C-alpha atoms as a PDB file:
ATOM      1  CA  MET A   1       3.797  29.253 -31.026  1.00  0.00           C
ATOM      2  CA  LYS A   2       0.281  27.814 -30.929  1.00  0.00           C
ATOM      3  CA  ARG A   3       1.653  24.462 -32.129  1.00  0.00           C
ATOM      4  CA  ILE A   4       4.188  24.372 -29.302  1.00  0.00           C
ATOM      5  CA  ILE A   5       1.551  25.135 -26.684  1.00  0.00           C
ATOM      6  CA  ALA A   6      -0.803  22.522 -28.162  1.00  0.00           C
ATOM      7  CA  SER A   7       2.031  19.985 -28.207  1.00  0.00           C
ATOM      8  CA  VAL A   8       2.902  20.665 -24.574  1.00  0.00           C
ATOM      9  CA  ILE A   9      -0.739  20.297 -23.517  1.00  0.00           C
ATOM     10  CA  ALA A  10      -1.126  17.056 -25.486  1.00  0.00           C
ATOM     11  CA  LEU A  11       2.111  15.674 -24.077  1.00  0.00           C
ATOM     12  CA  SER A  12       1.133  16.496 -20.502  1.00  0.00           C
ATOM     13  CA  ALA A  13      -2.251  14.824 -21.024  1.00  0.00           C
ATOM     14  CA  LEU A  14      -0.544  11.677 -22.289  1.00  0.00           C
ATOM     15  CA  THR A  15       1.955  11.467 -19.424  1.00  0.00           C
ATOM     16  CA  ALA A  16      -0.458  12.299 -16.581  1.00  0.00           C
ATOM     17  CA  PRO A  17      -1.760   8.715 -16.121  1.00  0.00           C
ATOM     18  CA  ALA A  18       1.812   7.433 -15.977  1.00  0.00           C
ATOM     19  CA  LEU A  19       2.440   9.650 -12.958  1.00  0.00           C
ATOM     20  CA  SER A  20      -0.486   8.261 -10.942  1.00  0.00           C
ATOM     21  CA  LEU A  21       0.539   6.183  -7.950  1.00  0.00           C
ATOM     22  CA  ASP A  22       0.437   2.399  -8.271  1.00  0.00           C
ATOM     23  CA  ASP A  23      -1.019   1.207  -4.937  1.00  0.00           C
ATOM     24  CA  ALA A  24      -1.317  -2.427  -6.065  1.00  0.00           C
ATOM     25  CA  GLY A  25       2.253  -2.506  -7.371  1.00  0.00           C
ATOM     26  CA  PHE A  26       3.611  -0.924  -4.203  1.00  0.00           C
ATOM     27  CA  GLN A  27       1.661  -3.371  -2.034  1.00  0.00           C
ATOM     28  CA  ALA A  28       3.005  -6.335  -4.016  1.00  0.00           C
ATOM     29  CA  ALA A  29       6.578  -5.038  -3.641  1.00  0.00           C
ATOM     30  CA  ALA A  30       6.186  -4.454   0.106  1.00  0.00           C
ATOM     31  CA  LEU A  31       4.604  -7.853   0.748  1.00  0.00           C
ATOM     32  CA  LYS A  32       7.592  -9.669  -0.777  1.00  0.00           C
ATOM     33  CA  CYS A  33       9.372  -9.131   2.554  1.00  0.00           C
ATOM     34  CA  TRP A  34       6.393 -10.002   4.751  1.00  0.00           C
ATOM     35  CA  ASN A  35       6.014 -13.230   6.686  1.00  0.00           C
ATOM     36  CA  THR A  36       2.262 -13.628   7.098  1.00  0.00           C
ATOM     37  CA  PRO A  37       1.470 -14.016  10.811  1.00  0.00           C
ATOM     38  CA  VAL A  38      -0.625 -16.935  12.034  1.00  0.00           C
ATOM     39  CA  SER A  39      -3.258 -14.466  13.268  1.00  0.00           C
ATOM     40  CA  PHE A  40      -3.741 -12.983   9.765  1.00  0.00           C
ATOM     41  CA  ASP A  41      -7.438 -13.951   9.484  1.00  0.00           C
ATOM     42  CA  ASP A  42      -8.191 -12.705  13.004  1.00  0.00           C
ATOM     43  CA  ALA A  43      -6.917  -9.196  12.284  1.00  0.00           C
ATOM     44  CA  GLY A  44      -9.855  -8.196  10.080  1.00  0.00           C
ATOM     45  CA  LYS A  45      -9.548  -5.549   7.371  1.00  0.00           C
ATOM     46  CA  PHE A  46      -6.358  -3.543   7.694  1.00  0.00           C
ATOM     47  CA  GLU A  47      -5.593  -0.394   5.717  1.00  0.00           C
ATOM     48  CA  MET A  48      -2.287   1.422   5.925  1.00  0.00           C
ATOM     49  CA  ALA A  49      -0.916   4.542   4.207  1.00  0.00           C
ATOM     50  CA  VAL A  50       2.808   4.534   3.423  1.00  0.00           C
ATOM     51  CA  GLU A  51       4.613   7.668   2.280  1.00  0.00           C
ATOM     52  CA  ILE A  52       7.936   7.247   0.527  1.00  0.00           C
ATOM     53  CA  ASP A  53      10.509   9.868  -0.436  1.00  0.00           C
ATOM     54  CA  GLN A  54      12.293  10.411  -3.766  1.00  0.00           C
ATOM     55  CA  LYS A  55      14.878   7.747  -2.895  1.00  0.00           C
ATOM     56  CA  GLY A  56      12.166   5.137  -2.228  1.00  0.00           C
ATOM     57  CA  HIS A  57      12.506   5.084   1.567  1.00  0.00           C
ATOM     58  CA  PRO A  58       9.438   5.156   3.847  1.00  0.00           C
ATOM     59  CA  ILE A  59       9.107   8.441   5.725  1.00  0.00           C
ATOM     60  CA  ASP A  60       5.637   7.931   7.235  1.00  0.00           C
ATOM     61  CA  ILE A  61       3.531   4.833   7.937  1.00  0.00           C
ATOM     62  CA  THR A  62      -0.011   5.292   9.269  1.00  0.00           C
ATOM     63  CA  ALA A  63      -2.667   2.680  10.058  1.00  0.00           C
ATOM     64  CA  LYS A  64      -5.871   4.138   8.593  1.00  0.00           C
ATOM     65  CA  SER A  65      -8.526   1.479   9.161  1.00  0.00           C
ATOM     66  CA  TYR A  66      -8.287  -1.573  11.398  1.00  0.00           C
ATOM     67  CA  VAL A  67     -10.091  -3.544  14.085  1.00  0.00           C
ATOM     68  CA  GLN A  68      -9.175  -2.086  17.484  1.00  0.00           C
ATOM     69  CA  ASN A  69      -7.563  -5.082  19.205  1.00  0.00           C
ATOM     70  CA  GLY A  70      -4.160  -6.512  20.062  1.00  0.00           C
ATOM     71  CA  VAL A  71      -4.147  -8.846  17.066  1.00  0.00           C
ATOM     72  CA  SER A  72      -4.459  -5.917  14.649  1.00  0.00           C
ATOM     73  CA  ARG A  73      -1.728  -4.012  16.477  1.00  0.00           C
ATOM     74  CA  GLY A  74       0.661  -6.955  16.145  1.00  0.00           C
ATOM     75  CA  PHE A  75      -0.395  -7.358  12.521  1.00  0.00           C
ATOM     76  CA  GLY A  76       0.446  -3.700  11.854  1.00  0.00           C
ATOM     77  CA  GLU A  77       3.847  -4.028  13.526  1.00  0.00           C
ATOM     78  CA  THR A  78       4.829  -7.021  11.362  1.00  0.00           C
ATOM     79  CA  LEU A  79       3.679  -5.152   8.275  1.00  0.00           C
ATOM     80  CA  LYS A  80       5.667  -2.053   9.267  1.00  0.00           C
ATOM     81  CA  ARG A  81       8.830  -4.117   9.707  1.00  0.00           C
ATOM     82  CA  SER A  82       8.392  -5.715   6.281  1.00  0.00           C
ATOM     83  CA  ILE A  83       7.897  -2.311   4.651  1.00  0.00           C
ATOM     84  CA  MET A  84      11.124  -1.075   6.231  1.00  0.00           C
ATOM     85  CA  ARG A  85      12.992  -4.277   5.299  1.00  0.00           C
ATOM     86  CA  CYS A  86      12.083  -4.058   1.580  1.00  0.00           C
ATOM     87  CA  ALA A  87      13.134  -0.403   1.154  1.00  0.00           C
ATOM     88  CA  PRO A  88      14.184   1.292  -1.041  1.00  0.00           C
ATOM     89  CA  TYR A  89      11.250   1.025  -3.443  1.00  0.00           C
ATOM     90  CA  LYS A  90      11.368   1.819  -7.160  1.00  0.00           C
ATOM     91  CA  PHE A  91       8.212   3.929  -7.141  1.00  0.00           C
ATOM     92  CA  PRO A  92       7.704   7.704  -7.373  1.00  0.00           C
ATOM     93  CA  ALA A  93       7.583   9.650  -4.114  1.00  0.00           C
ATOM     94  CA  GLY A  94       4.073   9.787  -2.697  1.00  0.00           C
ATOM     95  CA  ILE A  95       1.549   8.147  -0.402  1.00  0.00           C
ATOM     96  CA  TYR A  96       0.534   4.570  -1.195  1.00  0.00           C
ATOM     97  CA  THR A  97      -2.448   2.773   0.325  1.00  0.00           C
ATOM     98  CA  MET A  98      -2.207  -0.885   1.282  1.00  0.00           C
ATOM     99  CA  THR A  99      -5.410  -2.812   2.034  1.00  0.00           C
ATOM    100  CA  LEU A 100      -5.117  -6.298   3.474  1.00  0.00           C
ATOM    101  CA  ASN A 101      -7.654  -8.875   4.540  1.00  0.00           C
ATOM    102  CA  ALA A 102     -10.474  -7.063   2.740  1.00  0.00           C
ATOM    103  CA  LYS A 103     -13.109  -9.785   2.951  1.00  0.00           C
ATOM    104  CA  LYS A 104     -15.643  -9.527   0.148  1.00  0.00           C
ATOM    105  CA  GLY A 105     -19.225 -10.382   0.975  1.00  0.00           C
ATOM    106  CA  GLY A 106     -18.323 -11.531   4.488  1.00  0.00           C
ATOM    107  CA  LYS A 107     -16.648 -14.651   3.124  1.00  0.00           C
ATOM    108  CA  SER A 108     -13.518 -16.121   4.657  1.00  0.00           C
ATOM    109  CA  LEU A 109     -11.285 -19.132   4.195  1.00  0.00           C
ATOM    110  CA  ASN A 110     -11.100 -19.482   7.978  1.00  0.00           C
ATOM    111  CA  PRO A 111     -13.142 -22.619   8.836  1.00  0.00           C
ATOM    112  CA  PHE A 112     -13.437 -21.543  12.505  1.00  0.00           C
ATOM    113  CA  LYS A 113     -15.626 -18.460  12.059  1.00  0.00           C
ATOM    114  CA  ASP A 114     -16.612 -16.692  15.271  1.00  0.00           C
END
């Protein structure tokens, strides 16, 4: 009996990391259907949470962090449409975080910095 319990505990410890959500993989899958808008660099950092059900369909999309302007709103709308267009996803049900335009160290490839 002790062996069975120890085996179950060991097995659950080994499979736990496999059940963690793959934000980067989900983001890559969702962006396959996205046509990057011209205003991409102007939108600033944009973070969105996407919840999918067991069948891989989005059931909730929420903008979490973004610059409060019209460019970001349009950016979010194009991203939402691409997420819907690529469904269903082959990922476990859960909430995935997508972070776009995360500029590191204030650097940008936009030559016309404001």
